[in-house]
Structures are given as structure tokens and as C-alpha cells.
């Protein structure tokens, strides 16, 4: 995996940033597009369901779950 890419987003009225590897961003973006959601809306959803995990960790786990659900190849 290559270096981190940072994105800024507003979550529940406060600005924050999330740094992920491009491969994780790609999976997150694909899910948002598949669900016809803005990226920010998906990040808000992840934020609201992440519990005590950091947002970056929750995003990586969401991307991993998506990758596992995709057919091989």
C-alpha cells in the first residue's frame, strides 16, 4: 500500500480529517457511489456507528468488509 491521503469532512457540525491509504479510499468511494451517496454522507454513517474506534480505523474496517463481500478477481 502507498502513503496516506487525507480528506477533510464535516461530521455533526465539526470539521475533521481522515487519513487513509488510497486503496481504502477507493473501496469507500465505490460503496458511496454504489449506494448513490455523497462521500460525506457515508463517512457520517461510519462515524455514527464506529463506537470507540477512531474514524480512520472504522473506515478501514468498512472497506475491508466491502472487499470481503466482493467476488474474487
PDB file of N, CA and C in Angstrom:
ATOM      1  N   UNK A   1       0.839  -1.182   0.000  1.00  0.00           N
ATOM      2  CA  UNK A   1       0.000   0.000   0.000  1.00  0.00           C
ATOM      3  C   UNK A   1       0.881   1.242   0.000  1.00  0.00           C
ATOM      4  N   UNK A   2       0.374   2.273  -0.612  1.00  0.00           N
ATOM      5  CA  UNK A   2       1.138   3.506  -0.678  1.00  0.00           C
ATOM      6  C   UNK A   2       0.784   4.437   0.470  1.00  0.00           C
ATOM      7  N   UNK A   3       1.299   5.667   0.430  1.00  0.00           N
ATOM      8  CA  UNK A   3       1.126   6.620   1.523  1.00  0.00           C
ATOM      9  C   UNK A   3      -0.317   7.012   1.769  1.00  0.00           C
ATOM     10  N   UNK A   4      -0.516   7.660   2.894  1.00  0.00           N
ATOM     11  CA  UNK A   4      -1.858   8.085   3.300  1.00  0.00           C
ATOM     12  C   UNK A   4      -2.324   9.289   2.493  1.00  0.00           C
ATOM     13  N   UNK A   5      -3.626   9.343   2.269  1.00  0.00           N
ATOM     14  CA  UNK A   5      -4.274  10.520   1.684  1.00  0.00           C
ATOM     15  C   UNK A   5      -5.263  11.043   2.702  1.00  0.00           C
ATOM     16  N   UNK A   6      -5.181  12.323   2.947  1.00  0.00           N
ATOM     17  CA  UNK A   6      -6.043  12.954   3.946  1.00  0.00           C
ATOM     18  C   UNK A   6      -7.186  13.671   3.245  1.00  0.00           C
ATOM     19  N   UNK A   7      -8.385  13.509   3.801  1.00  0.00           N
ATOM     20  CA  UNK A   7      -9.571  14.207   3.301  1.00  0.00           C
ATOM     21  C   UNK A   7     -10.235  14.918   4.464  1.00  0.00           C
ATOM     22  N   UNK A   8     -10.742  16.104   4.180  1.00  0.00           N
ATOM     23  CA  UNK A   8     -11.470  16.871   5.197  1.00  0.00           C
ATOM     24  C   UNK A   8     -12.962  16.637   5.013  1.00  0.00           C
ATOM     25  N   UNK A   9     -13.664  16.567   6.140  1.00  0.00           N
ATOM     26  CA  UNK A   9     -15.107  16.348   6.105  1.00  0.00           C
ATOM     27  C   UNK A   9     -15.733  17.009   7.327  1.00  0.00           C
ATOM     28  N   UNK A  10     -16.995  17.390   7.203  1.00  0.00           N
ATOM     29  CA  UNK A  10     -17.732  17.950   8.332  1.00  0.00           C
ATOM     30  C   UNK A  10     -18.652  16.872   8.876  1.00  0.00           C
ATOM     31  N   UNK A  11     -18.444  16.509  10.134  1.00  0.00           N
ATOM     32  CA  UNK A  11     -19.245  15.478  10.786  1.00  0.00           C
ATOM     33  C   UNK A  11     -19.982  16.090  11.967  1.00  0.00           C
ATOM     34  N   UNK A  12     -21.284  16.015  11.920  1.00  0.00           N
ATOM     35  CA  UNK A  12     -22.112  16.552  13.000  1.00  0.00           C
ATOM     36  C   UNK A  12     -21.738  17.988  13.348  1.00  0.00           C
ATOM     37  N   UNK A  13     -21.469  18.778  12.323  1.00  0.00           N
ATOM     38  CA  UNK A  13     -21.202  20.192  12.524  1.00  0.00           C
ATOM     39  C   UNK A  13     -19.773  20.554  12.877  1.00  0.00           C
ATOM     40  N   UNK A  14     -18.873  19.585  12.948  1.00  0.00           N
ATOM     41  CA  UNK A  14     -17.480  19.946  13.210  1.00  0.00           C
ATOM     42  C   UNK A  14     -16.570  19.374  12.125  1.00  0.00           C
ATOM     43  N   UNK A  15     -15.571  20.147  11.767  1.00  0.00           N
ATOM     44  CA  UNK A  15     -14.635  19.741  10.723  1.00  0.00           C
ATOM     45  C   UNK A  15     -13.599  18.782  11.290  1.00  0.00           C
ATOM     46  N   UNK A  16     -13.300  17.774  10.512  1.00  0.00           N
ATOM     47  CA  UNK A  16     -12.264  16.814  10.889  1.00  0.00           C
ATOM     48  C   UNK A  16     -11.608  16.318   9.613  1.00  0.00           C
ATOM     49  N   UNK A  17     -10.576  15.543   9.760  1.00  0.00           N
ATOM     50  CA  UNK A  17      -9.949  14.956   8.586  1.00  0.00           C
ATOM     51  C   UNK A  17      -9.710  13.475   8.840  1.00  0.00           C
ATOM     52  N   UNK A  18      -9.671  12.730   7.756  1.00  0.00           N
ATOM     53  CA  UNK A  18      -9.446  11.290   7.810  1.00  0.00           C
ATOM     54  C   UNK A  18      -8.301  10.975   6.866  1.00  0.00           C
ATOM     55  N   UNK A  19      -7.317  10.248   7.357  1.00  0.00           N
ATOM     56  CA  UNK A  19      -6.179   9.844   6.534  1.00  0.00           C
ATOM     57  C   UNK A  19      -6.227   8.337   6.332  1.00  0.00           C
ATOM     58  N   UNK A  20      -6.329   7.929   5.076  1.00  0.00           N
ATOM     59  CA  UNK A  20      -6.374   6.511   4.709  1.00  0.00           C
ATOM     60  C   UNK A  20      -5.471   6.271   3.503  1.00  0.00           C
ATOM     61  N   UNK A  21      -5.077   5.030   3.332  1.00  0.00           N
ATOM     62  CA  UNK A  21      -4.353   4.647   2.140  1.00  0.00           C
ATOM     63  C   UNK A  21      -5.302   4.727   0.946  1.00  0.00           C
ATOM     64  N   UNK A  22      -4.769   5.037  -0.249  1.00  0.00           N
ATOM     65  CA  UNK A  22      -5.631   5.179  -1.433  1.00  0.00           C
ATOM     66  C   UNK A  22      -6.497   3.953  -1.704  1.00  0.00           C
ATOM     67  N   UNK A  23      -5.980   2.776  -1.409  1.00  0.00           N
ATOM     68  CA  UNK A  23      -6.747   1.551  -1.652  1.00  0.00           C
ATOM     69  C   UNK A  23      -8.014   1.512  -0.799  1.00  0.00           C
ATOM     70  N   UNK A  24      -7.931   2.001   0.433  1.00  0.00           N
ATOM     71  CA  UNK A  24      -9.117   2.053   1.291  1.00  0.00           C
ATOM     72  C   UNK A  24     -10.080   3.129   0.803  1.00  0.00           C
ATOM     73  N   UNK A  25      -9.542   4.296   0.404  1.00  0.00           N
ATOM     74  CA  UNK A  25     -10.410   5.342  -0.128  1.00  0.00           C
ATOM     75  C   UNK A  25     -11.181   4.826  -1.344  1.00  0.00           C
ATOM     76  N   UNK A  26     -10.518   4.060  -2.187  1.00  0.00           N
ATOM     77  CA  UNK A  26     -11.172   3.541  -3.386  1.00  0.00           C
ATOM     78  C   UNK A  26     -12.381   2.686  -3.031  1.00  0.00           C
ATOM     79  N   UNK A  27     -12.233   1.808  -2.051  1.00  0.00           N
ATOM     80  CA  UNK A  27     -13.357   0.958  -1.625  1.00  0.00           C
ATOM     81  C   UNK A  27     -14.482   1.774  -0.988  1.00  0.00           C
ATOM     82  N   UNK A  28     -14.107   2.768  -0.187  1.00  0.00           N
ATOM     83  CA  UNK A  28     -15.111   3.638   0.446  1.00  0.00           C
ATOM     84  C   UNK A  28     -15.862   4.430  -0.635  1.00  0.00           C
ATOM     85  N   UNK A  29     -15.133   4.981  -1.591  1.00  0.00           N
ATOM     86  CA  UNK A  29     -15.760   5.739  -2.685  1.00  0.00           C
ATOM     87  C   UNK A  29     -16.672   4.847  -3.517  1.00  0.00           C
ATOM     88  N   UNK A  30     -16.231   3.609  -3.764  1.00  0.00           N
ATOM     89  CA  UNK A  30     -17.062   2.679  -4.533  1.00  0.00           C
ATOM     90  C   UNK A  30     -18.380   2.404  -3.811  1.00  0.00           C
ATOM     91  N   UNK A  31     -18.320   2.212  -2.490  1.00  0.00           N
ATOM     92  CA  UNK A  31     -19.555   1.967  -1.742  1.00  0.00           C
ATOM     93  C   UNK A  31     -20.481   3.172  -1.816  1.00  0.00           C
ATOM     94  N   UNK A  32     -19.912   4.366  -1.643  1.00  0.00           N
ATOM     95  CA  UNK A  32     -20.739   5.578  -1.710  1.00  0.00           C
ATOM     96  C   UNK A  32     -21.409   5.687  -3.082  1.00  0.00           C
ATOM     97  N   UNK A  33     -20.650   5.453  -4.137  1.00  0.00           N
ATOM     98  CA  UNK A  33     -21.209   5.542  -5.484  1.00  0.00           C
ATOM     99  C   UNK A  33     -22.282   4.479  -5.718  1.00  0.00           C
ATOM    100  N   UNK A  34     -22.012   3.261  -5.253  1.00  0.00           N
ATOM    101  CA  UNK A  34     -22.967   2.163  -5.418  1.00  0.00           C
ATOM    102  C   UNK A  34     -24.284   2.467  -4.710  1.00  0.00           C
ATOM    103  N   UNK A  35     -24.195   3.128  -3.573  1.00  0.00           N
ATOM    104  CA  UNK A  35     -25.391   3.467  -2.790  1.00  0.00           C
ATOM    105  C   UNK A  35     -25.952   4.833  -3.155  1.00  0.00           C
ATOM    106  N   UNK A  36     -25.333   5.489  -4.156  1.00  0.00           N
ATOM    107  CA  UNK A  36     -25.750   6.827  -4.613  1.00  0.00           C
ATOM    108  C   UNK A  36     -25.749   7.838  -3.471  1.00  0.00           C
ATOM    109  N   UNK A  37     -24.672   7.784  -2.663  1.00  0.00           N
ATOM    110  CA  UNK A  37     -24.488   8.701  -1.541  1.00  0.00           C
ATOM    111  C   UNK A  37     -23.288   9.596  -1.793  1.00  0.00           C
ATOM    112  N   UNK A  38     -23.339  10.831  -1.330  1.00  0.00           N
ATOM    113  CA  UNK A  38     -22.116  11.621  -1.309  1.00  0.00           C
ATOM    114  C   UNK A  38     -21.117  10.957  -0.346  1.00  0.00           C
ATOM    115  N   UNK A  39     -19.851  11.091  -0.618  1.00  0.00           N
ATOM    116  CA  UNK A  39     -18.832  10.509   0.246  1.00  0.00           C
ATOM    117  C   UNK A  39     -19.024  10.976   1.684  1.00  0.00           C
ATOM    118  N   UNK A  40     -19.336  12.247   1.863  1.00  0.00           N
ATOM    119  CA  UNK A  40     -19.526  12.785   3.215  1.00  0.00           C
ATOM    120  C   UNK A  40     -20.658  12.064   3.948  1.00  0.00           C
ATOM    121  N   UNK A  41     -21.716  11.715   3.244  1.00  0.00           N
ATOM    122  CA  UNK A  41     -22.840  11.019   3.882  1.00  0.00           C
ATOM    123  C   UNK A  41     -22.415   9.635   4.368  1.00  0.00           C
ATOM    124  N   UNK A  42     -21.614   8.937   3.578  1.00  0.00           N
ATOM    125  CA  UNK A  42     -21.132   7.623   4.014  1.00  0.00           C
ATOM    126  C   UNK A  42     -20.198   7.763   5.202  1.00  0.00           C
ATOM    127  N   UNK A  43     -19.335   8.774   5.184  1.00  0.00           N
ATOM    128  CA  UNK A  43     -18.442   8.980   6.328  1.00  0.00           C
ATOM    129  C   UNK A  43     -19.225   9.330   7.590  1.00  0.00           C
ATOM    130  N   UNK A  44     -20.297  10.077   7.463  1.00  0.00           N
ATOM    131  CA  UNK A  44     -21.158  10.385   8.615  1.00  0.00           C
ATOM    132  C   UNK A  44     -21.766   9.097   9.150  1.00  0.00           C
ATOM    133  N   UNK A  45     -22.244   8.229   8.253  1.00  0.00           N
ATOM    134  CA  UNK A  45     -22.812   6.944   8.669  1.00  0.00           C
ATOM    135  C   UNK A  45     -21.767   6.104   9.416  1.00  0.00           C
ATOM    136  N   UNK A  46     -20.569   6.043   8.872  1.00  0.00           N
ATOM    137  CA  UNK A  46     -19.492   5.287   9.527  1.00  0.00           C
ATOM    138  C   UNK A  46     -19.187   5.900  10.890  1.00  0.00           C
ATOM    139  N   UNK A  47     -19.137   7.214  10.948  1.00  0.00           N
ATOM    140  CA  UNK A  47     -18.848   7.910  12.207  1.00  0.00           C
ATOM    141  C   UNK A  47     -19.899   7.589  13.275  1.00  0.00           C
ATOM    142  N   UNK A  48     -21.157   7.551  12.867  1.00  0.00           N
ATOM    143  CA  UNK A  48     -22.248   7.329  13.819  1.00  0.00           C
ATOM    144  C   UNK A  48     -22.299   5.893  14.341  1.00  0.00           C
ATOM    145  N   UNK A  49     -21.635   4.976  13.657  1.00  0.00           N
ATOM    146  CA  UNK A  49     -21.696   3.572  14.058  1.00  0.00           C
ATOM    147  C   UNK A  49     -20.341   3.017  14.492  1.00  0.00           C
ATOM    148  N   UNK A  50     -19.354   3.872  14.682  1.00  0.00           N
ATOM    149  CA  UNK A  50     -17.989   3.388  14.930  1.00  0.00           C
ATOM    150  C   UNK A  50     -17.690   3.045  16.376  1.00  0.00           C
ATOM    151  N   UNK A  51     -18.558   3.406  17.280  1.00  0.00           N
ATOM    152  CA  UNK A  51     -18.285   3.125  18.689  1.00  0.00           C
ATOM    153  C   UNK A  51     -17.057   3.882  19.160  1.00  0.00           C
ATOM    154  N   UNK A  52     -16.144   3.171  19.837  1.00  0.00           N
ATOM    155  CA  UNK A  52     -14.960   3.826  20.393  1.00  0.00           C
ATOM    156  C   UNK A  52     -13.758   3.799  19.455  1.00  0.00           C
ATOM    157  N   UNK A  53     -13.917   3.214  18.272  1.00  0.00           N
ATOM    158  CA  UNK A  53     -12.814   3.177  17.306  1.00  0.00           C
ATOM    159  C   UNK A  53     -12.564   4.565  16.734  1.00  0.00           C
ATOM    160  N   UNK A  54     -11.349   4.780  16.269  1.00  0.00           N
ATOM    161  CA  UNK A  54     -11.084   6.023  15.541  1.00  0.00           C
ATOM    162  C   UNK A  54     -11.838   5.964  14.214  1.00  0.00           C
ATOM    163  N   UNK A  55     -12.120   7.110  13.650  1.00  0.00           N
ATOM    164  CA  UNK A  55     -12.829   7.156  12.378  1.00  0.00           C
ATOM    165  C   UNK A  55     -12.021   6.462  11.289  1.00  0.00           C
ATOM    166  N   UNK A  56     -10.718   6.667  11.265  1.00  0.00           N
ATOM    167  CA  UNK A  56      -9.880   6.016  10.252  1.00  0.00           C
ATOM    168  C   UNK A  56      -9.957   4.497  10.386  1.00  0.00           C
ATOM    169  N   UNK A  57      -9.895   3.983  11.600  1.00  0.00           N
ATOM    170  CA  UNK A  57      -9.996   2.534  11.801  1.00  0.00           C
ATOM    171  C   UNK A  57     -11.357   2.021  11.351  1.00  0.00           C
ATOM    172  N   UNK A  58     -12.407   2.739  11.695  1.00  0.00           N
ATOM    173  CA  UNK A  58     -13.751   2.327  11.289  1.00  0.00           C
ATOM    174  C   UNK A  58     -13.884   2.326   9.764  1.00  0.00           C
ATOM    175  N   UNK A  59     -13.275   3.299   9.103  1.00  0.00           N
ATOM    176  CA  UNK A  59     -13.312   3.336   7.636  1.00  0.00           C
ATOM    177  C   UNK A  59     -12.558   2.152   7.042  1.00  0.00           C
ATOM    178  N   UNK A  60     -11.413   1.828   7.614  1.00  0.00           N
ATOM    179  CA  UNK A  60     -10.650   0.678   7.117  1.00  0.00           C
ATOM    180  C   UNK A  60     -11.436  -0.618   7.296  1.00  0.00           C
ATOM    181  N   UNK A  61     -12.096  -0.772   8.432  1.00  0.00           N
ATOM    182  CA  UNK A  61     -12.894  -1.975   8.664  1.00  0.00           C
ATOM    183  C   UNK A  61     -14.080  -2.044   7.704  1.00  0.00           C
ATOM    184  N   UNK A  62     -14.688  -0.901   7.421  1.00  0.00           N
ATOM    185  CA  UNK A  62     -15.809  -0.858   6.467  1.00  0.00           C
ATOM    186  C   UNK A  62     -15.317  -1.258   5.082  1.00  0.00           C
ATOM    187  N   UNK A  63     -14.148  -0.739   4.695  1.00  0.00           N
ATOM    188  CA  UNK A  63     -13.573  -1.083   3.400  1.00  0.00           C
ATOM    189  C   UNK A  63     -13.211  -2.560   3.342  1.00  0.00           C
ATOM    190  N   UNK A  64     -12.665  -3.081   4.409  1.00  0.00           N
ATOM    191  CA  UNK A  64     -12.318  -4.498   4.465  1.00  0.00           C
ATOM    192  C   UNK A  64     -13.572  -5.368   4.324  1.00  0.00           C
ATOM    193  N   UNK A  65     -14.634  -5.002   5.014  1.00  0.00           N
ATOM    194  CA  UNK A  65     -15.892  -5.748   4.898  1.00  0.00           C
ATOM    195  C   UNK A  65     -16.397  -5.721   3.466  1.00  0.00           C
ATOM    196  N   UNK A  66     -16.275  -4.576   2.814  1.00  0.00           N
ATOM    197  CA  UNK A  66     -16.696  -4.472   1.423  1.00  0.00           C
ATOM    198  C   UNK A  66     -15.834  -5.361   0.531  1.00  0.00           C
ATOM    199  N   UNK A  67     -14.534  -5.326   0.745  1.00  0.00           N
ATOM    200  CA  UNK A  67     -13.620  -6.135  -0.073  1.00  0.00           C
ATOM    201  C   UNK A  67     -13.920  -7.620   0.098  1.00  0.00           C
ATOM    202  N   UNK A  68     -14.217  -8.040   1.306  1.00  0.00           N
ATOM    203  CA  UNK A  68     -14.537  -9.455   1.543  1.00  0.00           C
ATOM    204  C   UNK A  68     -15.838  -9.864   0.872  1.00  0.00           C
ATOM    205  N   UNK A  69     -16.748  -8.934   0.706  1.00  0.00           N
ATOM    206  CA  UNK A  69     -18.045  -9.247   0.115  1.00  0.00           C
ATOM    207  C   UNK A  69     -17.999  -9.266  -1.412  1.00  0.00           C
ATOM    208  N   UNK A  70     -16.948  -8.707  -2.007  1.00  0.00           N
ATOM    209  CA  UNK A  70     -16.858  -8.658  -3.456  1.00  0.00           C
ATOM    210  C   UNK A  70     -16.426 -10.015  -4.011  1.00  0.00           C
ATOM    211  N   UNK A  71     -16.907 -10.346  -5.201  1.00  0.00           N
ATOM    212  CA  UNK A  71     -16.462 -11.601  -5.799  1.00  0.00           C
ATOM    213  C   UNK A  71     -14.969 -11.538  -6.146  1.00  0.00           C
ATOM    214  N   UNK A  72     -14.275 -12.661  -6.129  1.00  0.00           N
ATOM    215  CA  UNK A  72     -12.846 -12.662  -6.432  1.00  0.00           C
ATOM    216  C   UNK A  72     -12.574 -12.195  -7.852  1.00  0.00           C
ATOM    217  N   UNK A  73     -11.401 -11.610  -8.007  1.00  0.00           N
ATOM    218  CA  UNK A  73     -10.961 -11.242  -9.355  1.00  0.00           C
ATOM    219  C   UNK A  73     -11.177  -9.846  -9.662  1.00  0.00           C
TER     220      UNK A  73
END
